[in-house]
């Protein structure tokens, strides 16, 4: 599970990461990355109502949190990430999310350098 210290909470952090960072997408999610942050690695999640009802959105968020916890060691310090789930993520299994988001994370980190 993703530690609380690595969870993005401030809307300013979300905004600066989405507007000023690199972007990569896959069929299940869009990943934004911004480097140069003074804090350690932070990860935020955006799961809109287009993904599904409350139960589905929370399930997708929990799965994405677990996926990002597994990949956090590959993220350089001072990097902020935002993962925006797309509607097909609701029907995806954990393995599909892990594979596609992991590859997308690698691409966006290369762009952000």
Foldseek 3Di string as FASTA:
>chain_A
DADPLQEDDDPVLVVCQVVPFFWFDDPWKIKTKAADAPAFHHEYEAEDCLQDDPVLSVVLVVLVSVLCVVVVVVAHTRMYMYIYTDNVSSVDDSVVCNVVVVVRVVVRRVVND
